[in-house]
Amino acid sequence: MTERVTATEETLELIEKLKKRHGPLMFHQSGGCCDGSSPMCYPDGDLRIGESDVYLGEIGGSPFYMSRDQYEYWKHTQLIIDVVDGRGGMFSLEGPEGKRFFTRSRVFSDEERKELQL
């Protein structure tokens, strides 16, 4: 089955480290403003999810969301959450680790779009 969001091995390792420190986590793809367009990591439940958010799947056992407006631009792509060196968003849990989550993407194939009913 085609996943809308996936994560690199390094990302999964960082998620496990953060879970040990903070407990269950959640992610939301930021649409800009203070923290740019980064995937933001929070303790599960710290960010209020509403009707305007779309659930994309899980990475490392943690739910991943995006605003519906932003989803309309990204729905034809698979999000690949990676980790790079540097300070990320000031509100995201990975900041003190000297790492930041980073979104890469690829366009779904025709077969994948058909499976996802896009």
PDB file of N, CA and C in Angstrom:
ATOM      1  N   MET A   1       0.846  -1.185   0.000  1.00  0.00           N
ATOM      2  CA  MET A   1       0.000   0.000   0.000  1.00  0.00           C
ATOM      3  C   MET A   1       0.894   1.252   0.000  1.00  0.00           C
ATOM      4  N   THR A   2       0.534   2.212  -0.788  1.00  0.00           N
ATOM      5  CA  THR A   2       1.283   3.454  -0.902  1.00  0.00           C
ATOM      6  C   THR A   2       1.029   4.328   0.323  1.00  0.00           C
ATOM      7  N   GLU A   3       2.104   4.833   0.892  1.00  0.00           N
ATOM      8  CA  GLU A   3       1.994   5.704   2.058  1.00  0.00           C
ATOM      9  C   GLU A   3       2.125   7.155   1.621  1.00  0.00           C
ATOM     10  N   ARG A   4       1.355   8.020   2.235  1.00  0.00           N
ATOM     11  CA  ARG A   4       1.428   9.454   1.930  1.00  0.00           C
ATOM     12  C   ARG A   4       2.624  10.108   2.613  1.00  0.00           C
ATOM     13  N   VAL A   5       3.063   9.530   3.725  1.00  0.00           N
ATOM     14  CA  VAL A   5       4.216  10.067   4.453  1.00  0.00           C
ATOM     15  C   VAL A   5       5.080   8.896   4.908  1.00  0.00           C
ATOM     16  N   THR A   6       6.399   9.032   4.729  1.00  0.00           N
ATOM     17  CA  THR A   6       7.366   8.032   5.172  1.00  0.00           C
ATOM     18  C   THR A   6       8.497   8.752   5.896  1.00  0.00           C
ATOM     19  N   ALA A   7       9.425   7.985   6.435  1.00  0.00           N
ATOM     20  CA  ALA A   7      10.549   8.572   7.155  1.00  0.00           C
ATOM     21  C   ALA A   7      11.813   7.773   6.881  1.00  0.00           C
ATOM     22  N   THR A   8      12.935   8.472   6.874  1.00  0.00           N
ATOM     23  CA  THR A   8      14.221   7.819   6.710  1.00  0.00           C
ATOM     24  C   THR A   8      14.587   7.092   8.002  1.00  0.00           C
ATOM     25  N   GLU A   9      15.561   6.205   7.907  1.00  0.00           N
ATOM     26  CA  GLU A   9      16.016   5.470   9.089  1.00  0.00           C
ATOM     27  C   GLU A   9      16.537   6.424  10.168  1.00  0.00           C
ATOM     28  N   GLU A  10      17.286   7.441   9.765  1.00  0.00           N
ATOM     29  CA  GLU A  10      17.796   8.420  10.733  1.00  0.00           C
ATOM     30  C   GLU A  10      16.650   9.154  11.433  1.00  0.00           C
ATOM     31  N   THR A  11      15.593   9.446  10.694  1.00  0.00           N
ATOM     32  CA  THR A  11      14.421  10.092  11.285  1.00  0.00           C
ATOM     33  C   THR A  11      13.775   9.179  12.316  1.00  0.00           C
ATOM     34  N   LEU A  12      13.617   7.911  11.973  1.00  0.00           N
ATOM     35  CA  LEU A  12      13.001   6.963  12.907  1.00  0.00           C
ATOM     36  C   LEU A  12      13.826   6.827  14.182  1.00  0.00           C
ATOM     37  N   GLU A  13      15.152   6.861  14.056  1.00  0.00           N
ATOM     38  CA  GLU A  13      16.017   6.800  15.236  1.00  0.00           C
ATOM     39  C   GLU A  13      15.832   8.034  16.118  1.00  0.00           C
ATOM     40  N   LEU A  14      15.738   9.205  15.513  1.00  0.00           N
ATOM     41  CA  LEU A  14      15.529  10.426  16.287  1.00  0.00           C
ATOM     42  C   LEU A  14      14.151  10.429  16.947  1.00  0.00           C
ATOM     43  N   ILE A  15      13.158   9.937  16.244  1.00  0.00           N
ATOM     44  CA  ILE A  15      11.811   9.848  16.837  1.00  0.00           C
ATOM     45  C   ILE A  15      11.855   8.981  18.088  1.00  0.00           C
ATOM     46  N   GLU A  16      12.534   7.832  18.023  1.00  0.00           N
ATOM     47  CA  GLU A  16      12.615   6.951  19.193  1.00  0.00           C
ATOM     48  C   GLU A  16      13.322   7.644  20.360  1.00  0.00           C
ATOM     49  N   LYS A  17      14.373   8.377  20.068  1.00  0.00           N
ATOM     50  CA  LYS A  17      15.085   9.128  21.107  1.00  0.00           C
ATOM     51  C   LYS A  17      14.167  10.157  21.755  1.00  0.00           C
ATOM     52  N   LEU A  18      13.412  10.873  20.924  1.00  0.00           N
ATOM     53  CA  LEU A  18      12.497  11.894  21.445  1.00  0.00           C
ATOM     54  C   LEU A  18      11.351  11.275  22.240  1.00  0.00           C
ATOM     55  N   LYS A  19      10.877  10.110  21.811  1.00  0.00           N
ATOM     56  CA  LYS A  19       9.800   9.420  22.538  1.00  0.00           C
ATOM     57  C   LYS A  19      10.258   9.034  23.937  1.00  0.00           C
ATOM     58  N   LYS A  20      11.512   8.595  24.056  1.00  0.00           N
ATOM     59  CA  LYS A  20      12.027   8.212  25.373  1.00  0.00           C
ATOM     60  C   LYS A  20      12.056   9.403  26.314  1.00  0.00           C
ATOM     61  N   ARG A  21      12.293  10.570  25.781  1.00  0.00           N
ATOM     62  CA  ARG A  21      12.384  11.785  26.593  1.00  0.00           C
ATOM     63  C   ARG A  21      11.012  12.428  26.828  1.00  0.00           C
ATOM     64  N   HIS A  22      10.141  12.422  25.807  1.00  0.00           N
ATOM     65  CA  HIS A  22       8.895  13.197  25.869  1.00  0.00           C
ATOM     66  C   HIS A  22       7.621  12.367  25.863  1.00  0.00           C
ATOM     67  N   GLY A  23       7.731  11.060  25.655  1.00  0.00           N
ATOM     68  CA  GLY A  23       6.541  10.227  25.551  1.00  0.00           C
ATOM     69  C   GLY A  23       6.005  10.239  24.127  1.00  0.00           C
ATOM     70  N   PRO A  24       4.736   9.858  23.932  1.00  0.00           N
ATOM     71  CA  PRO A  24       4.156   9.804  22.590  1.00  0.00           C
ATOM     72  C   PRO A  24       4.255  11.158  21.880  1.00  0.00           C
ATOM     73  N   LEU A  25       4.467  11.104  20.559  1.00  0.00           N
ATOM     74  CA  LEU A  25       4.662  12.305  19.751  1.00  0.00           C
ATOM     75  C   LEU A  25       3.605  12.434  18.670  1.00  0.00           C
ATOM     76  N   MET A  26       3.547  13.621  18.095  1.00  0.00           N
ATOM     77  CA  MET A  26       2.717  13.885  16.924  1.00  0.00           C
ATOM     78  C   MET A  26       3.483  14.861  16.036  1.00  0.00           C
ATOM     79  N   PHE A  27       3.136  14.860  14.737  1.00  0.00           N
ATOM     80  CA  PHE A  27       3.772  15.760  13.776  1.00  0.00           C
ATOM     81  C   PHE A  27       2.719  16.557  13.029  1.00  0.00           C
ATOM     82  N   HIS A  28       3.101  17.776  12.662  1.00  0.00           N
ATOM     83  CA  HIS A  28       2.262  18.612  11.801  1.00  0.00           C
ATOM     84  C   HIS A  28       3.191  19.323  10.825  1.00  0.00           C
ATOM     85  N   GLN A  29       2.883  19.214   9.544  1.00  0.00           N
ATOM     86  CA  GLN A  29       3.686  19.895   8.525  1.00  0.00           C
ATOM     87  C   GLN A  29       3.357  21.375   8.567  1.00  0.00           C
ATOM     88  N   SER A  30       4.330  22.167   8.979  1.00  0.00           N
ATOM     89  CA  SER A  30       4.126  23.607   9.079  1.00  0.00           C
ATOM     90  C   SER A  30       3.956  24.203   7.686  1.00  0.00           C
ATOM     91  N   GLY A  31       3.110  25.200   7.595  1.00  0.00           N
ATOM     92  CA  GLY A  31       2.866  25.860   6.317  1.00  0.00           C
ATOM     93  C   GLY A  31       3.593  27.178   6.179  1.00  0.00           C
ATOM     94  N   GLY A  32       4.515  27.463   7.072  1.00  0.00           N
ATOM     95  CA  GLY A  32       5.252  28.716   6.976  1.00  0.00           C
ATOM     96  C   GLY A  32       5.228  29.467   8.277  1.00  0.00           C
ATOM     97  N   CYS A  33       5.292  30.773   8.198  1.00  0.00           N
ATOM     98  CA  CYS A  33       5.325  31.665   9.361  1.00  0.00           C
ATOM     99  C   CYS A  33       6.647  31.526  10.092  1.00  0.00           C
ATOM    100  N   CYS A  34       6.626  31.534  11.389  1.00  0.00           N
ATOM    101  CA  CYS A  34       7.848  31.588  12.218  1.00  0.00           C
ATOM    102  C   CYS A  34       8.843  30.476  11.900  1.00  0.00           C
ATOM    103  N   ASP A  35       8.365  29.271  11.712  1.00  0.00           N
ATOM    104  CA  ASP A  35       9.247  28.119  11.572  1.00  0.00           C
ATOM    105  C   ASP A  35       9.367  27.619  10.140  1.00  0.00           C
ATOM    106  N   GLY A  36       9.017  28.439   9.180  1.00  0.00           N
ATOM    107  CA  GLY A  36       9.149  28.023   7.785  1.00  0.00           C
ATOM    108  C   GLY A  36       8.197  26.899   7.439  1.00  0.00           C
ATOM    109  N   SER A  37       8.609  26.058   6.531  1.00  0.00           N
ATOM    110  CA  SER A  37       7.772  24.928   6.088  1.00  0.00           C
ATOM    111  C   SER A  37       8.389  23.621   6.553  1.00  0.00           C
ATOM    112  N   SER A  38       8.539  23.487   7.844  1.00  0.00           N
ATOM    113  CA  SER A  38       9.173  22.315   8.437  1.00  0.00           C
ATOM    114  C   SER A  38       8.143  21.388   9.048  1.00  0.00           C
ATOM    115  N   PRO A  39       8.463  20.092   9.090  1.00  0.00           N
ATOM    116  CA  PRO A  39       7.611  19.202   9.884  1.00  0.00           C
ATOM    117  C   PRO A  39       7.885  19.482  11.359  1.00  0.00           C
ATOM    118  N   MET A  40       6.851  19.757  12.087  1.00  0.00           N
ATOM    119  CA  MET A  40       6.975  20.116  13.498  1.00  0.00           C
ATOM    120  C   MET A  40       6.607  18.916  14.361  1.00  0.00           C
ATOM    121  N   CYS A  41       7.418  18.663  15.383  1.00  0.00           N
ATOM    122  CA  CYS A  41       7.223  17.537  16.285  1.00  0.00           C
ATOM    123  C   CYS A  41       6.818  18.070  17.663  1.00  0.00           C
ATOM    124  N   TYR A  42       5.729  17.517  18.195  1.00  0.00           N
ATOM    125  CA  TYR A  42       5.194  17.943  19.487  1.00  0.00           C
ATOM    126  C   TYR A  42       4.890  16.720  20.352  1.00  0.00           C
ATOM    127  N   PRO A  43       4.800  16.908  21.675  1.00  0.00           N
ATOM    128  CA  PRO A  43       4.224  15.833  22.481  1.00  0.00           C
ATOM    129  C   PRO A  43       2.795  15.594  21.982  1.00  0.00           C
ATOM    130  N   ASP A  44       2.412  14.344  21.906  1.00  0.00           N
ATOM    131  CA  ASP A  44       1.089  14.010  21.378  1.00  0.00           C
ATOM    132  C   ASP A  44       0.010  14.765  22.146  1.00  0.00           C
ATOM    133  N   GLY A  45      -0.852  15.465  21.409  1.00  0.00           N
ATOM    134  CA  GLY A  45      -1.935  16.231  22.005  1.00  0.00           C
ATOM    135  C   GLY A  45      -1.611  17.686  22.270  1.00  0.00           C
ATOM    136  N   ASP A  46      -0.339  18.084  22.141  1.00  0.00           N
ATOM    137  CA  ASP A  46       0.031  19.482  22.406  1.00  0.00           C
ATOM    138  C   ASP A  46      -0.474  20.440  21.338  1.00  0.00           C
ATOM    139  N   LEU A  47      -0.672  19.964  20.145  1.00  0.00           N
ATOM    140  CA  LEU A  47      -1.208  20.801  19.070  1.00  0.00           C
ATOM    141  C   LEU A  47      -2.638  20.354  18.808  1.00  0.00           C
ATOM    142  N   ARG A  48      -3.520  21.297  18.828  1.00  0.00           N
ATOM    143  CA  ARG A  48      -4.934  20.979  18.613  1.00  0.00           C
ATOM    144  C   ARG A  48      -5.177  20.698  17.130  1.00  0.00           C
ATOM    145  N   ILE A  49      -5.671  19.515  16.833  1.00  0.00           N
ATOM    146  CA  ILE A  49      -5.995  19.105  15.471  1.00  0.00           C
ATOM    147  C   ILE A  49      -7.486  19.308  15.272  1.00  0.00           C
ATOM    148  N   GLY A  50      -7.846  19.905  14.133  1.00  0.00           N
ATOM    149  CA  GLY A  50      -9.256  20.174  13.881  1.00  0.00           C
ATOM    150  C   GLY A  50      -9.701  19.695  12.516  1.00  0.00           C
ATOM    151  N   GLU A  51     -10.881  20.125  12.134  1.00  0.00           N
ATOM    152  CA  GLU A  51     -11.462  19.722  10.853  1.00  0.00           C
ATOM    153  C   GLU A  51     -10.666  20.225   9.663  1.00  0.00           C
ATOM    154  N   SER A  52      -9.849  21.247   9.868  1.00  0.00           N
ATOM    155  CA  SER A  52      -9.066  21.804   8.770  1.00  0.00           C
ATOM    156  C   SER A  52      -7.723  21.087   8.596  1.00  0.00           C
ATOM    157  N   ASP A  53      -7.500  20.018   9.360  1.00  0.00           N
ATOM    158  CA  ASP A  53      -6.261  19.248   9.251  1.00  0.00           C
ATOM    159  C   ASP A  53      -6.540  17.884   8.626  1.00  0.00           C
ATOM    160  N   VAL A  54      -5.567  17.399   7.857  1.00  0.00           N
ATOM    161  CA  VAL A  54      -5.669  16.108   7.181  1.00  0.00           C
ATOM    162  C   VAL A  54      -4.655  15.160   7.801  1.00  0.00           C
ATOM    163  N   TYR A  55      -5.103  13.971   8.167  1.00  0.00           N
ATOM    164  CA  TYR A  55      -4.224  12.928   8.688  1.00  0.00           C
ATOM    165  C   TYR A  55      -3.580  12.238   7.490  1.00  0.00           C
ATOM    166  N   LEU A  56      -2.232  12.224   7.441  1.00  0.00           N
ATOM    167  CA  LEU A  56      -1.526  11.618   6.314  1.00  0.00           C
ATOM    168  C   LEU A  56      -1.032  10.206   6.602  1.00  0.00           C
ATOM    169  N   GLY A  57      -0.901   9.863   7.854  1.00  0.00           N
ATOM    170  CA  GLY A  57      -0.380   8.554   8.230  1.00  0.00           C
ATOM    171  C   GLY A  57       0.481   8.685   9.464  1.00  0.00           C
ATOM    172  N   GLU A  58       1.363   7.705   9.665  1.00  0.00           N
ATOM    173  CA  GLU A  58       2.242   7.707  10.829  1.00  0.00           C
ATOM    174  C   GLU A  58       3.683   7.533  10.400  1.00  0.00           C
ATOM    175  N   ILE A  59       4.570   8.133  11.166  1.00  0.00           N
ATOM    176  CA  ILE A  59       6.003   7.866  11.041  1.00  0.00           C
ATOM    177  C   ILE A  59       6.504   7.512  12.433  1.00  0.00           C
ATOM    178  N   GLY A  60       7.201   6.409  12.529  1.00  0.00           N
ATOM    179  CA  GLY A  60       7.685   5.974  13.833  1.00  0.00           C
ATOM    180  C   GLY A  60       6.578   5.784  14.851  1.00  0.00           C
ATOM    181  N   GLY A  61       5.389   5.408  14.396  1.00  0.00           N
ATOM    182  CA  GLY A  61       4.253   5.221  15.298  1.00  0.00           C
ATOM    183  C   GLY A  61       3.600   6.504  15.767  1.00  0.00           C
ATOM    184  N   SER A  62       3.975   7.625  15.160  1.00  0.00           N
ATOM    185  CA  SER A  62       3.436   8.935  15.557  1.00  0.00           C
ATOM    186  C   SER A  62       2.591   9.513  14.427  1.00  0.00           C
ATOM    187  N   PRO A  63       1.395  10.029  14.734  1.00  0.00           N
ATOM    188  CA  PRO A  63       0.531  10.573  13.684  1.00  0.00           C
ATOM    189  C   PRO A  63       1.140  11.822  13.042  1.00  0.00           C
ATOM    190  N   PHE A  64       0.842  11.989  11.750  1.00  0.00           N
ATOM    191  CA  PHE A  64       1.376  13.104  10.968  1.00  0.00           C
ATOM    192  C   PHE A  64       0.206  13.797  10.272  1.00  0.00           C
ATOM    193  N   TYR A  65       0.091  15.115  10.451  1.00  0.00           N
ATOM    194  CA  TYR A  65      -1.003  15.919   9.916  1.00  0.00           C
ATOM    195  C   TYR A  65      -0.482  17.076   9.061  1.00  0.00           C
ATOM    196  N   MET A  66      -1.395  17.621   8.281  1.00  0.00           N
ATOM    197  CA  MET A  66      -1.115  18.799   7.456  1.00  0.00           C
ATOM    198  C   MET A  66      -2.436  19.561   7.299  1.00  0.00           C
ATOM    199  N   SER A  67      -2.354  20.875   7.188  1.00  0.00           N
ATOM    200  CA  SER A  67      -3.585  21.638   6.991  1.00  0.00           C
ATOM    201  C   SER A  67      -4.212  21.273   5.645  1.00  0.00           C
ATOM    202  N   ARG A  68      -5.524  21.310   5.582  1.00  0.00           N
ATOM    203  CA  ARG A  68      -6.250  20.934   4.362  1.00  0.00           C
ATOM    204  C   ARG A  68      -5.849  21.808   3.171  1.00  0.00           C
ATOM    205  N   ASP A  69      -5.681  23.107   3.387  1.00  0.00           N
ATOM    206  CA  ASP A  69      -5.280  24.003   2.298  1.00  0.00           C
ATOM    207  C   ASP A  69      -3.922  23.609   1.731  1.00  0.00           C
ATOM    208  N   GLN A  70      -2.979  23.328   2.621  1.00  0.00           N
ATOM    209  CA  GLN A  70      -1.648  22.935   2.176  1.00  0.00           C
ATOM    210  C   GLN A  70      -1.687  21.563   1.503  1.00  0.00           C
ATOM    211  N   TYR A  71      -2.514  20.675   2.025  1.00  0.00           N
ATOM    212  CA  TYR A  71      -2.658  19.336   1.444  1.00  0.00           C
ATOM    213  C   TYR A  71      -3.066  19.416  -0.024  1.00  0.00           C
ATOM    214  N   GLU A  72      -3.909  20.354  -0.372  1.00  0.00           N
ATOM    215  CA  GLU A  72      -4.348  20.485  -1.769  1.00  0.00           C
ATOM    216  C   GLU A  72      -3.158  20.701  -2.711  1.00  0.00           C
ATOM    217  N   TYR A  73      -2.112  21.364  -2.230  1.00  0.00           N
ATOM    218  CA  TYR A  73      -0.908  21.572  -3.043  1.00  0.00           C
ATOM    219  C   TYR A  73      -0.001  20.333  -3.072  1.00  0.00           C
ATOM    220  N   TRP A  74       0.004  19.572  -1.992  1.00  0.00           N
ATOM    221  CA  TRP A  74       0.943  18.472  -1.821  1.00  0.00           C
ATOM    222  C   TRP A  74       0.332  17.092  -2.073  1.00  0.00           C
ATOM    223  N   LYS A  75      -0.962  16.980  -2.317  1.00  0.00           N
ATOM    224  CA  LYS A  75      -1.608  15.671  -2.346  1.00  0.00           C
ATOM    225  C   LYS A  75      -1.078  14.734  -3.429  1.00  0.00           C
ATOM    226  N   HIS A  76      -0.416  15.240  -4.430  1.00  0.00           N
ATOM    227  CA  HIS A  76       0.131  14.402  -5.499  1.00  0.00           C
ATOM    228  C   HIS A  76       1.545  13.932  -5.196  1.00  0.00           C
ATOM    229  N   THR A  77       2.030  14.222  -3.978  1.00  0.00           N
ATOM    230  CA  THR A  77       3.393  13.849  -3.614  1.00  0.00           C
ATOM    231  C   THR A  77       3.425  13.039  -2.322  1.00  0.00           C
ATOM    232  N   GLN A  78       4.427  12.189  -2.245  1.00  0.00           N
ATOM    233  CA  GLN A  78       4.711  11.478  -1.011  1.00  0.00           C
ATOM    234  C   GLN A  78       5.698  12.320  -0.219  1.00  0.00           C
ATOM    235  N   LEU A  79       5.405  12.563   1.053  1.00  0.00           N
ATOM    236  CA  LEU A  79       6.326  13.282   1.914  1.00  0.00           C
ATOM    237  C   LEU A  79       7.308  12.292   2.517  1.00  0.00           C
ATOM    238  N   ILE A  80       8.585  12.624   2.450  1.00  0.00           N
ATOM    239  CA  ILE A  80       9.642  11.791   3.011  1.00  0.00           C
ATOM    240  C   ILE A  80      10.318  12.641   4.079  1.00  0.00           C
ATOM    241  N   ILE A  81      10.103  12.293   5.334  1.00  0.00           N
ATOM    242  CA  ILE A  81      10.631  13.090   6.436  1.00  0.00           C
ATOM    243  C   ILE A  81      12.051  12.611   6.735  1.00  0.00           C
ATOM    244  N   ASP A  82      12.958  13.560   6.668  1.00  0.00           N
ATOM    245  CA  ASP A  82      14.373  13.287   6.852  1.00  0.00           C
ATOM    246  C   ASP A  82      14.883  14.124   8.022  1.00  0.00           C
ATOM    247  N   VAL A  83      16.146  13.934   8.374  1.00  0.00           N
ATOM    248  CA  VAL A  83      16.795  14.703   9.434  1.00  0.00           C
ATOM    249  C   VAL A  83      18.065  15.304   8.855  1.00  0.00           C
ATOM    250  N   VAL A  84      18.287  16.579   9.143  1.00  0.00           N
ATOM    251  CA  VAL A  84      19.519  17.253   8.726  1.00  0.00           C
ATOM    252  C   VAL A  84      20.115  17.961   9.938  1.00  0.00           C
ATOM    253  N   ASP A  85      21.390  18.261   9.864  1.00  0.00           N
ATOM    254  CA  ASP A  85      22.046  19.010  10.941  1.00  0.00           C
ATOM    255  C   ASP A  85      21.542  20.445  10.962  1.00  0.00           C
ATOM    256  N   GLY A  86      21.480  21.012  12.144  1.00  0.00           N
ATOM    257  CA  GLY A  86      21.073  22.408  12.291  1.00  0.00           C
ATOM    258  C   GLY A  86      19.902  22.554  13.227  1.00  0.00           C
ATOM    259  N   ARG A  87      19.610  23.782  13.549  1.00  0.00           N
ATOM    260  CA  ARG A  87      18.480  24.072  14.436  1.00  0.00           C
ATOM    261  C   ARG A  87      17.216  24.197  13.616  1.00  0.00           C
ATOM    262  N   GLY A  88      16.193  23.521  14.060  1.00  0.00           N
ATOM    263  CA  GLY A  88      14.919  23.567  13.362  1.00  0.00           C
ATOM    264  C   GLY A  88      13.996  24.595  13.960  1.00  0.00           C
ATOM    265  N   GLY A  89      12.718  24.320  13.850  1.00  0.00           N
ATOM    266  CA  GLY A  89      11.711  25.227  14.372  1.00  0.00           C
ATOM    267  C   GLY A  89      11.809  25.385  15.873  1.00  0.00           C
ATOM    268  N   MET A  90      11.601  26.591  16.316  1.00  0.00           N
ATOM    269  CA  MET A  90      11.757  26.861  17.742  1.00  0.00           C
ATOM    270  C   MET A  90      10.707  26.147  18.586  1.00  0.00           C
ATOM    271  N   PHE A  91       9.621  25.681  17.988  1.00  0.00           N
ATOM    272  CA  PHE A  91       8.571  25.005  18.744  1.00  0.00           C
ATOM    273  C   PHE A  91       8.648  23.494  18.620  1.00  0.00           C
ATOM    274  N   SER A  92       9.543  22.975  17.798  1.00  0.00           N
ATOM    275  CA  SER A  92       9.641  21.551  17.540  1.00  0.00           C
ATOM    276  C   SER A  92      10.626  20.895  18.503  1.00  0.00           C
ATOM    277  N   LEU A  93      10.306  19.689  18.965  1.00  0.00           N
ATOM    278  CA  LEU A  93      11.061  19.029  20.024  1.00  0.00           C
ATOM    279  C   LEU A  93      12.498  18.662  19.671  1.00  0.00           C
ATOM    280  N   GLU A  94      12.830  18.533  18.386  1.00  0.00           N
ATOM    281  CA  GLU A  94      14.176  18.077  18.033  1.00  0.00           C
ATOM    282  C   GLU A  94      15.229  19.176  18.119  1.00  0.00           C
ATOM    283  N   GLY A  95      14.844  20.428  18.257  1.00  0.00           N
ATOM    284  CA  GLY A  95      15.772  21.555  18.260  1.00  0.00           C
ATOM    285  C   GLY A  95      16.996  21.388  19.140  1.00  0.00           C
ATOM    286  N   PRO A  96      16.829  21.003  20.408  1.00  0.00           N
ATOM    287  CA  PRO A  96      17.991  20.863  21.287  1.00  0.00           C
ATOM    288  C   PRO A  96      18.967  19.752  20.873  1.00  0.00           C
ATOM    289  N   GLU A  97      18.559  18.886  19.956  1.00  0.00           N
ATOM    290  CA  GLU A  97      19.409  17.782  19.511  1.00  0.00           C
ATOM    291  C   GLU A  97      20.440  18.225  18.469  1.00  0.00           C
ATOM    292  N   GLY A  98      20.337  19.479  17.992  1.00  0.00           N
ATOM    293  CA  GLY A  98      21.242  19.935  16.939  1.00  0.00           C
ATOM    294  C   GLY A  98      20.868  19.370  15.583  1.00  0.00           C
ATOM    295  N   LYS A  99      19.657  18.864  15.488  1.00  0.00           N
ATOM    296  CA  LYS A  99      19.107  18.289  14.255  1.00  0.00           C
ATOM    297  C   LYS A  99      17.770  18.950  13.989  1.00  0.00           C
ATOM    298  N   ARG A 100      17.321  18.834  12.743  1.00  0.00           N
ATOM    299  CA  ARG A 100      15.966  19.304  12.449  1.00  0.00           C
ATOM    300  C   ARG A 100      15.327  18.368  11.440  1.00  0.00           C
ATOM    301  N   PHE A 101      14.031  18.216  11.583  1.00  0.00           N
ATOM    302  CA  PHE A 101      13.293  17.427  10.603  1.00  0.00           C
ATOM    303  C   PHE A 101      13.173  18.236   9.326  1.00  0.00           C
ATOM    304  N   PHE A 102      13.209  17.559   8.209  1.00  0.00           N
ATOM    305  CA  PHE A 102      13.225  18.198   6.901  1.00  0.00           C
ATOM    306  C   PHE A 102      12.338  17.390   5.964  1.00  0.00           C
ATOM    307  N   THR A 103      11.480  18.059   5.215  1.00  0.00           N
ATOM    308  CA  THR A 103      10.571  17.374   4.299  1.00  0.00           C
ATOM    309  C   THR A 103      11.149  17.330   2.893  1.00  0.00           C
ATOM    310  N   ARG A 104      11.242  16.124   2.381  1.00  0.00           N
ATOM    311  CA  ARG A 104      11.562  15.907   0.975  1.00  0.00           C
ATOM    312  C   ARG A 104      10.283  15.335   0.365  1.00  0.00           C
ATOM    313  N   SER A 105      10.191  15.348  -0.932  1.00  0.00           N
ATOM    314  CA  SER A 105       8.979  14.786  -1.534  1.00  0.00           C
ATOM    315  C   SER A 105       9.279  14.208  -2.906  1.00  0.00           C
ATOM    316  N   ARG A 106       8.371  13.377  -3.348  1.00  0.00           N
ATOM    317  CA  ARG A 106       8.429  12.844  -4.707  1.00  0.00           C
ATOM    318  C   ARG A 106       7.004  12.732  -5.212  1.00  0.00           C
ATOM    319  N   VAL A 107       6.834  12.903  -6.504  1.00  0.00           N
ATOM    320  CA  VAL A 107       5.506  12.820  -7.119  1.00  0.00           C
ATOM    321  C   VAL A 107       5.105  11.352  -7.200  1.00  0.00           C
ATOM    322  N   PHE A 108       3.860  11.071  -6.856  1.00  0.00           N
ATOM    323  CA  PHE A 108       3.350   9.709  -6.963  1.00  0.00           C
ATOM    324  C   PHE A 108       3.336   9.268  -8.420  1.00  0.00           C
ATOM    325  N   SER A 109       3.575   7.990  -8.647  1.00  0.00           N
ATOM    326  CA  SER A 109       3.465   7.416  -9.989  1.00  0.00           C
ATOM    327  C   SER A 109       1.980   7.339 -10.370  1.00  0.00           C
ATOM    328  N   ASP A 110       1.709   7.085 -11.640  1.00  0.00           N
ATOM    329  CA  ASP A 110       0.319   6.930 -12.089  1.00  0.00           C
ATOM    330  C   ASP A 110      -0.371   5.801 -11.334  1.00  0.00           C
ATOM    331  N   GLU A 111       0.345   4.718 -11.124  1.00  0.00           N
ATOM    332  CA  GLU A 111      -0.218   3.573 -10.405  1.00  0.00           C
ATOM    333  C   GLU A 111      -0.542   3.945  -8.961  1.00  0.00           C
ATOM    334  N   GLU A 112       0.357   4.676  -8.312  1.00  0.00           N
ATOM    335  CA  GLU A 112       0.123   5.100  -6.932  1.00  0.00           C
ATOM    336  C   GLU A 112      -1.050   6.072  -6.844  1.00  0.00           C
ATOM    337  N   ARG A 113      -1.144   6.997  -7.780  1.00  0.00           N
ATOM    338  CA  ARG A 113      -2.274   7.946  -7.783  1.00  0.00           C
ATOM    339  C   ARG A 113      -3.589   7.199  -7.935  1.00  0.00           C
ATOM    340  N   LYS A 114      -3.588   6.177  -8.761  1.00  0.00           N
ATOM    341  CA  LYS A 114      -4.797   5.371  -8.950  1.00  0.00           C
ATOM    342  C   LYS A 114      -5.167   4.664  -7.640  1.00  0.00           C
ATOM    343  N   GLU A 115      -4.149   4.101  -6.978  1.00  0.00           N
ATOM    344  CA  GLU A 115      -4.380   3.408  -5.698  1.00  0.00           C
ATOM    345  C   GLU A 115      -4.929   4.382  -4.667  1.00  0.00           C
ATOM    346  N   LEU A 116      -4.399   5.604  -4.634  1.00  0.00           N
ATOM    347  CA  LEU A 116      -4.829   6.614  -3.658  1.00  0.00           C
ATOM    348  C   LEU A 116      -6.096   7.348  -4.083  1.00  0.00           C
ATOM    349  N   GLN A 117      -6.565   7.045  -5.288  1.00  0.00           N
ATOM    350  CA  GLN A 117      -7.768   7.665  -5.853  1.00  0.00           C
ATOM    351  C   GLN A 117      -7.635   9.175  -5.967  1.00  0.00           C
ATOM    352  N   LEU A 118      -6.490   9.619  -6.501  1.00  0.00           N
ATOM    353  CA  LEU A 118      -6.251  11.056  -6.710  1.00  0.00           C
ATOM    354  C   LEU A 118      -6.725  11.479  -8.079  1.00  0.00           C
TER     355      LEU A 118
END
